[in-house]
C-alpha atoms as a PDB file:
ATOM      1  CA  UNK A   1      14.913 -16.001 -27.033  1.00  0.00           C
ATOM      2  CA  UNK A   2      16.043 -13.280 -24.609  1.00  0.00           C
ATOM      3  CA  UNK A   3      13.515 -10.838 -26.064  1.00  0.00           C
ATOM      4  CA  UNK A   4      10.751 -13.432 -25.754  1.00  0.00           C
ATOM      5  CA  UNK A   5      11.587 -14.191 -22.114  1.00  0.00           C
ATOM      6  CA  UNK A   6      11.623 -10.475 -21.334  1.00  0.00           C
ATOM      7  CA  UNK A   7       8.238 -10.010 -23.006  1.00  0.00           C
ATOM      8  CA  UNK A   8       6.538 -12.702 -20.903  1.00  0.00           C
ATOM      9  CA  UNK A   9       8.257 -11.887 -17.585  1.00  0.00           C
ATOM     10  CA  UNK A  10       5.691 -11.790 -14.796  1.00  0.00           C
ATOM     11  CA  UNK A  11       2.810 -12.838 -17.051  1.00  0.00           C
ATOM     12  CA  UNK A  12       0.784 -16.041 -16.878  1.00  0.00           C
ATOM     13  CA  UNK A  13       2.918 -17.399 -19.748  1.00  0.00           C
ATOM     14  CA  UNK A  14       6.020 -17.109 -17.556  1.00  0.00           C
ATOM     15  CA  UNK A  15       6.586 -20.593 -16.099  1.00  0.00           C
ATOM     16  CA  UNK A  16       9.467 -19.459 -13.890  1.00  0.00           C
ATOM     17  CA  UNK A  17       8.342 -16.244 -12.194  1.00  0.00           C
ATOM     18  CA  UNK A  18       5.080 -15.821 -10.257  1.00  0.00           C
ATOM     19  CA  UNK A  19       2.632 -13.556 -12.087  1.00  0.00           C
ATOM     20  CA  UNK A  20       0.610 -12.884  -8.930  1.00  0.00           C
ATOM     21  CA  UNK A  21       3.663 -11.710  -7.013  1.00  0.00           C
ATOM     22  CA  UNK A  22       4.707  -9.509  -9.926  1.00  0.00           C
ATOM     23  CA  UNK A  23       1.234  -7.919 -10.241  1.00  0.00           C
ATOM     24  CA  UNK A  24       0.218  -7.738  -6.591  1.00  0.00           C
ATOM     25  CA  UNK A  25       3.406  -8.021  -4.553  1.00  0.00           C
ATOM     26  CA  UNK A  26       1.906 -10.949  -2.621  1.00  0.00           C
ATOM     27  CA  UNK A  27       0.963 -14.539  -3.419  1.00  0.00           C
ATOM     28  CA  UNK A  28      -1.317 -16.902  -1.503  1.00  0.00           C
ATOM     29  CA  UNK A  29       1.294 -19.674  -1.734  1.00  0.00           C
ATOM     30  CA  UNK A  30       3.999 -17.572  -0.096  1.00  0.00           C
ATOM     31  CA  UNK A  31       7.333 -19.363   0.239  1.00  0.00           C
ATOM     32  CA  UNK A  32       5.695 -22.589  -0.979  1.00  0.00           C
ATOM     33  CA  UNK A  33       4.983 -21.129  -4.425  1.00  0.00           C
ATOM     34  CA  UNK A  34       6.386 -23.224  -7.273  1.00  0.00           C
ATOM     35  CA  UNK A  35       7.414 -20.050  -9.132  1.00  0.00           C
ATOM     36  CA  UNK A  36       9.974 -17.432  -8.170  1.00  0.00           C
ATOM     37  CA  UNK A  37       9.117 -14.290  -6.238  1.00  0.00           C
ATOM     38  CA  UNK A  38      11.723 -11.867  -7.558  1.00  0.00           C
ATOM     39  CA  UNK A  39      12.077  -9.019  -5.070  1.00  0.00           C
ATOM     40  CA  UNK A  40      13.027  -5.756  -6.791  1.00  0.00           C
ATOM     41  CA  UNK A  41      16.317  -4.014  -6.031  1.00  0.00           C
ATOM     42  CA  UNK A  42      14.657  -0.664  -6.683  1.00  0.00           C
ATOM     43  CA  UNK A  43      11.058   0.460  -7.060  1.00  0.00           C
ATOM     44  CA  UNK A  44       8.755   3.445  -6.587  1.00  0.00           C
ATOM     45  CA  UNK A  45       6.476   1.286  -4.412  1.00  0.00           C
ATOM     46  CA  UNK A  46       6.826  -0.093  -0.903  1.00  0.00           C
ATOM     47  CA  UNK A  47       4.690  -2.738   0.803  1.00  0.00           C
ATOM     48  CA  UNK A  48       3.900  -2.828   4.513  1.00  0.00           C
ATOM     49  CA  UNK A  49       2.266  -6.238   5.076  1.00  0.00           C
ATOM     50  CA  UNK A  50      -0.577  -6.570   7.598  1.00  0.00           C
ATOM     51  CA  UNK A  51      -0.128  -3.017   8.866  1.00  0.00           C
ATOM     52  CA  UNK A  52      -3.823  -2.096   9.008  1.00  0.00           C
ATOM     53  CA  UNK A  53      -5.619  -3.920  11.816  1.00  0.00           C
ATOM     54  CA  UNK A  54      -9.149  -3.847  10.415  1.00  0.00           C
ATOM     55  CA  UNK A  55     -11.683  -3.939  13.282  1.00  0.00           C
ATOM     56  CA  UNK A  56     -14.273  -5.320  10.856  1.00  0.00           C
ATOM     57  CA  UNK A  57     -12.350  -8.609  10.984  1.00  0.00           C
ATOM     58  CA  UNK A  58     -11.782  -8.519  14.744  1.00  0.00           C
ATOM     59  CA  UNK A  59     -14.406 -10.404  16.768  1.00  0.00           C
ATOM     60  CA  UNK A  60     -13.665  -8.155  19.746  1.00  0.00           C
ATOM     61  CA  UNK A  61     -14.757  -5.068  17.779  1.00  0.00           C
ATOM     62  CA  UNK A  62     -17.905  -6.371  16.104  1.00  0.00           C
ATOM     63  CA  UNK A  63     -19.996  -3.792  17.973  1.00  0.00           C
ATOM     64  CA  UNK A  64     -18.622  -0.967  15.799  1.00  0.00           C
ATOM     65  CA  UNK A  65     -21.114   0.409  13.286  1.00  0.00           C
ATOM     66  CA  UNK A  66     -20.323   1.503   9.710  1.00  0.00           C
ATOM     67  CA  UNK A  67     -19.651   5.105  10.727  1.00  0.00           C
ATOM     68  CA  UNK A  68     -17.241   4.073  13.479  1.00  0.00           C
ATOM     69  CA  UNK A  69     -15.429   1.691  11.144  1.00  0.00           C
ATOM     70  CA  UNK A  70     -15.002   4.468   8.568  1.00  0.00           C
ATOM     71  CA  UNK A  71     -13.738   6.909  11.198  1.00  0.00           C
ATOM     72  CA  UNK A  72     -11.254   4.296  12.403  1.00  0.00           C
ATOM     73  CA  UNK A  73      -9.960   3.790   8.872  1.00  0.00           C
ATOM     74  CA  UNK A  74      -9.829   7.521   8.115  1.00  0.00           C
ATOM     75  CA  UNK A  75      -7.614   8.072  11.167  1.00  0.00           C
ATOM     76  CA  UNK A  76      -5.295   5.276  10.039  1.00  0.00           C
ATOM     77  CA  UNK A  77      -5.200   6.500   6.432  1.00  0.00           C
ATOM     78  CA  UNK A  78      -4.372  10.047   7.522  1.00  0.00           C
ATOM     79  CA  UNK A  79      -1.630   8.747   9.799  1.00  0.00           C
ATOM     80  CA  UNK A  80       0.035   6.721   7.050  1.00  0.00           C
ATOM     81  CA  UNK A  81      -0.395   9.369   4.351  1.00  0.00           C
ATOM     82  CA  UNK A  82       1.304  12.010   6.497  1.00  0.00           C
ATOM     83  CA  UNK A  83       4.101   9.642   7.542  1.00  0.00           C
ATOM     84  CA  UNK A  84       4.849   8.607   3.953  1.00  0.00           C
ATOM     85  CA  UNK A  85       5.152  12.225   2.851  1.00  0.00           C
ATOM     86  CA  UNK A  86       8.139  12.599   5.176  1.00  0.00           C
ATOM     87  CA  UNK A  87      10.166  10.524   2.716  1.00  0.00           C
ATOM     88  CA  UNK A  88       9.158  12.208  -0.525  1.00  0.00           C
ATOM     89  CA  UNK A  89       6.263  13.010  -2.804  1.00  0.00           C
ATOM     90  CA  UNK A  90       3.583  10.329  -2.499  1.00  0.00           C
ATOM     91  CA  UNK A  91       1.586   9.496  -5.621  1.00  0.00           C
ATOM     92  CA  UNK A  92      -0.689   6.718  -4.369  1.00  0.00           C
ATOM     93  CA  UNK A  93      -1.633   5.019  -1.101  1.00  0.00           C
ATOM     94  CA  UNK A  94      -3.492   1.700  -1.267  1.00  0.00           C
ATOM     95  CA  UNK A  95      -4.877  -0.225   1.708  1.00  0.00           C
ATOM     96  CA  UNK A  96      -6.241  -3.752   1.242  1.00  0.00           C
ATOM     97  CA  UNK A  97      -9.731  -4.580   2.499  1.00  0.00           C
ATOM     98  CA  UNK A  98      -9.155  -8.297   1.866  1.00  0.00           C
ATOM     99  CA  UNK A  99      -9.482 -10.950   4.557  1.00  0.00           C
ATOM    100  CA  UNK A 100      -7.064 -13.588   3.222  1.00  0.00           C
ATOM    101  CA  UNK A 101      -3.724 -14.218   4.913  1.00  0.00           C
ATOM    102  CA  UNK A 102      -1.437 -12.768   2.243  1.00  0.00           C
ATOM    103  CA  UNK A 103      -3.375  -9.527   1.682  1.00  0.00           C
ATOM    104  CA  UNK A 104      -5.162  -8.664   4.936  1.00  0.00           C
ATOM    105  CA  UNK A 105      -4.177  -5.197   6.127  1.00  0.00           C
ATOM    106  CA  UNK A 106      -1.504  -4.735   3.454  1.00  0.00           C
ATOM    107  CA  UNK A 107      -0.531  -1.141   2.724  1.00  0.00           C
ATOM    108  CA  UNK A 108       1.161  -0.040  -0.505  1.00  0.00           C
ATOM    109  CA  UNK A 109       2.725   3.390  -0.961  1.00  0.00           C
ATOM    110  CA  UNK A 110       3.841   4.486  -4.426  1.00  0.00           C
ATOM    111  CA  UNK A 111       6.211   7.447  -4.517  1.00  0.00           C
ATOM    112  CA  UNK A 112       7.160   9.727  -7.375  1.00  0.00           C
ATOM    113  CA  UNK A 113      10.824   8.780  -7.017  1.00  0.00           C
ATOM    114  CA  UNK A 114      12.559   5.468  -6.338  1.00  0.00           C
ATOM    115  CA  UNK A 115      14.907   7.215  -3.904  1.00  0.00           C
ATOM    116  CA  UNK A 116      11.935   8.139  -1.727  1.00  0.00           C
ATOM    117  CA  UNK A 117      10.696   4.551  -1.649  1.00  0.00           C
ATOM    118  CA  UNK A 118      14.170   3.308  -0.729  1.00  0.00           C
ATOM    119  CA  UNK A 119      14.478   5.848   2.085  1.00  0.00           C
ATOM    120  CA  UNK A 120      11.041   4.916   3.429  1.00  0.00           C
ATOM    121  CA  UNK A 121      11.788   1.196   3.300  1.00  0.00           C
ATOM    122  CA  UNK A 122      15.060   1.578   5.187  1.00  0.00           C
ATOM    123  CA  UNK A 123      13.615   3.889   7.843  1.00  0.00           C
ATOM    124  CA  UNK A 124      10.317   2.129   8.495  1.00  0.00           C
ATOM    125  CA  UNK A 125      11.858  -1.274   9.173  1.00  0.00           C
ATOM    126  CA  UNK A 126      13.107   0.083  12.492  1.00  0.00           C
ATOM    127  CA  UNK A 127       9.776   1.683  13.424  1.00  0.00           C
ATOM    128  CA  UNK A 128       6.653   0.631  15.299  1.00  0.00           C
ATOM    129  CA  UNK A 129       3.027   1.515  14.668  1.00  0.00           C
ATOM    130  CA  UNK A 130       0.165   1.189  17.176  1.00  0.00           C
ATOM    131  CA  UNK A 131       2.355  -0.983  19.395  1.00  0.00           C
ATOM    132  CA  UNK A 132       3.428  -3.385  16.630  1.00  0.00           C
ATOM    133  CA  UNK A 133       6.749  -3.568  14.721  1.00  0.00           C
ATOM    134  CA  UNK A 134       6.603  -2.502  11.078  1.00  0.00           C
ATOM    135  CA  UNK A 135       7.912  -4.705   8.290  1.00  0.00           C
ATOM    136  CA  UNK A 136       8.533  -2.933   4.993  1.00  0.00           C
ATOM    137  CA  UNK A 137       9.889  -4.025   1.604  1.00  0.00           C
ATOM    138  CA  UNK A 138      10.154  -2.731  -1.937  1.00  0.00           C
ATOM    139  CA  UNK A 139       7.315  -4.029  -4.085  1.00  0.00           C
ATOM    140  CA  UNK A 140       7.235  -4.843  -7.814  1.00  0.00           C
ATOM    141  CA  UNK A 141       3.740  -3.314  -8.129  1.00  0.00           C
ATOM    142  CA  UNK A 142       3.650  -0.203 -10.304  1.00  0.00           C
ATOM    143  CA  UNK A 143       0.156  -0.331 -11.822  1.00  0.00           C
ATOM    144  CA  UNK A 144      -2.646  -0.742  -9.303  1.00  0.00           C
ATOM    145  CA  UNK A 145      -5.200  -0.996 -12.089  1.00  0.00           C
ATOM    146  CA  UNK A 146      -3.767  -4.461 -12.700  1.00  0.00           C
ATOM    147  CA  UNK A 147      -3.398  -5.289  -9.004  1.00  0.00           C
ATOM    148  CA  UNK A 148      -6.915  -4.313  -7.919  1.00  0.00           C
ATOM    149  CA  UNK A 149     -10.017  -6.437  -8.473  1.00  0.00           C
ATOM    150  CA  UNK A 150     -12.057  -4.883 -11.270  1.00  0.00           C
ATOM    151  CA  UNK A 151     -15.303  -6.474 -10.103  1.00  0.00           C
ATOM    152  CA  UNK A 152     -15.030  -5.047  -6.607  1.00  0.00           C
ATOM    153  CA  UNK A 153     -15.663  -1.498  -7.818  1.00  0.00           C
ATOM    154  CA  UNK A 154     -18.499  -2.531 -10.112  1.00  0.00           C
ATOM    155  CA  UNK A 155     -21.147  -5.210  -9.729  1.00  0.00           C
ATOM    156  CA  UNK A 156     -19.364  -6.802  -6.794  1.00  0.00           C
ATOM    157  CA  UNK A 157     -16.832  -9.608  -6.496  1.00  0.00           C
ATOM    158  CA  UNK A 158     -18.313 -12.998  -5.599  1.00  0.00           C
ATOM    159  CA  UNK A 159     -15.140 -13.937  -3.698  1.00  0.00           C
ATOM    160  CA  UNK A 160     -15.467 -10.966  -1.373  1.00  0.00           C
ATOM    161  CA  UNK A 161     -12.584 -10.437   1.016  1.00  0.00           C
ATOM    162  CA  UNK A 162     -10.993 -13.733  -0.032  1.00  0.00           C
ATOM    163  CA  UNK A 163     -10.283 -12.541  -3.576  1.00  0.00           C
ATOM    164  CA  UNK A 164      -6.629 -12.853  -4.625  1.00  0.00           C
ATOM    165  CA  UNK A 165      -6.699  -9.392  -6.201  1.00  0.00           C
ATOM    166  CA  UNK A 166      -6.642  -6.258  -4.062  1.00  0.00           C
ATOM    167  CA  UNK A 167      -9.961  -4.971  -2.758  1.00  0.00           C
ATOM    168  CA  UNK A 168      -9.050  -1.363  -2.158  1.00  0.00           C
ATOM    169  CA  UNK A 169     -10.374   0.292   1.003  1.00  0.00           C
ATOM    170  CA  UNK A 170     -11.172   3.949   0.431  1.00  0.00           C
ATOM    171  CA  UNK A 171     -11.090   6.885   2.858  1.00  0.00           C
ATOM    172  CA  UNK A 172     -14.183   9.046   3.167  1.00  0.00           C
ATOM    173  CA  UNK A 173     -14.602  11.818   0.597  1.00  0.00           C
ATOM    174  CA  UNK A 174     -14.073  14.385   3.345  1.00  0.00           C
ATOM    175  CA  UNK A 175     -10.762  12.820   4.397  1.00  0.00           C
ATOM    176  CA  UNK A 176      -9.656  12.453   0.779  1.00  0.00           C
ATOM    177  CA  UNK A 177     -10.319  16.153   0.088  1.00  0.00           C
ATOM    178  CA  UNK A 178      -8.610  17.205   3.305  1.00  0.00           C
ATOM    179  CA  UNK A 179      -5.435  15.261   2.506  1.00  0.00           C
ATOM    180  CA  UNK A 180      -5.404  16.456  -1.088  1.00  0.00           C
ATOM    181  CA  UNK A 181      -5.565  20.099   0.020  1.00  0.00           C
ATOM    182  CA  UNK A 182      -2.951  19.586   2.756  1.00  0.00           C
ATOM    183  CA  UNK A 183      -0.598  17.892   0.304  1.00  0.00           C
ATOM    184  CA  UNK A 184      -0.974  20.646  -2.316  1.00  0.00           C
ATOM    185  CA  UNK A 185      -0.212  23.259   0.324  1.00  0.00           C
ATOM    186  CA  UNK A 186       2.805  21.280   1.530  1.00  0.00           C
ATOM    187  CA  UNK A 187       4.171  20.802  -2.003  1.00  0.00           C
ATOM    188  CA  UNK A 188       3.891  24.523  -2.712  1.00  0.00           C
ATOM    189  CA  UNK A 189       5.724  25.288   0.541  1.00  0.00           C
ATOM    190  CA  UNK A 190       8.635  23.018  -0.275  1.00  0.00           C
ATOM    191  CA  UNK A 191       8.886  23.997  -3.928  1.00  0.00           C
ATOM    192  CA  UNK A 192       8.150  20.455  -5.156  1.00  0.00           C
ATOM    193  CA  UNK A 193      11.769  19.451  -4.482  1.00  0.00           C
ATOM    194  CA  UNK A 194      10.763  15.865  -3.642  1.00  0.00           C
ATOM    195  CA  UNK A 195      14.359  14.595  -3.896  1.00  0.00           C
ATOM    196  CA  UNK A 196      15.711  17.058  -1.365  1.00  0.00           C
ATOM    197  CA  UNK A 197      16.724  15.607   1.983  1.00  0.00           C
ATOM    198  CA  UNK A 198      16.309  19.059   3.571  1.00  0.00           C
ATOM    199  CA  UNK A 199      12.559  18.621   3.554  1.00  0.00           C
ATOM    200  CA  UNK A 200      10.055  21.033   5.018  1.00  0.00           C
ATOM    201  CA  UNK A 201       7.646  19.460   7.529  1.00  0.00           C
ATOM    202  CA  UNK A 202       5.114  17.076   5.989  1.00  0.00           C
ATOM    203  CA  UNK A 203       1.359  17.230   6.732  1.00  0.00           C
ATOM    204  CA  UNK A 204       0.646  16.271  10.347  1.00  0.00           C
ATOM    205  CA  UNK A 205      -2.163  13.866  11.360  1.00  0.00           C
ATOM    206  CA  UNK A 206      -4.556  14.797  14.159  1.00  0.00           C
ATOM    207  CA  UNK A 207      -3.677  11.818  16.400  1.00  0.00           C
ATOM    208  CA  UNK A 208      -0.517  10.084  15.139  1.00  0.00           C
ATOM    209  CA  UNK A 209       0.197   6.552  16.373  1.00  0.00           C
ATOM    210  CA  UNK A 210       3.787   6.265  15.142  1.00  0.00           C
END
């Protein structure tokens, strides 16, 4: 029985634990969910709910065109990427483009080491970003292929921003290349000792808002 329960943990067959929370780290039912949201004691991934204030969903910023919206996101993405690297080697940064309450503006950062995620979670909960307090928690998400909507990157998801799977917002190719090169240079400089607390300076964003 124990082996069976372990094999179905976090799946749709699990009648006790919420599969959506396990896969995505967020559930549309929130505290009202009939199944348990088991928060991990350790994880490589942290979640910063509602951190990205997407101007595309702000009626006061509807005058921004596609290029301005992308530039706004690139600046945010660079900011967060550089900040996360202060805590250890970052493997993946995911920002939600969804417009539903439990996913809007969510930011996930997956580190190489659990110790880095723990350090980031503890430090960021006392920080502010763009004039707003940050809330950060460890997340059960480890595989974003399962968490992200598969239709969104293909023919298009009919649910749009209200999909319950992550619609991943991507930085521009130029920003992606720039951060990749900066990170490689930084890792070479620090000898890839991602667990060391005597870290060399991480990449620095152009206009940080932390």
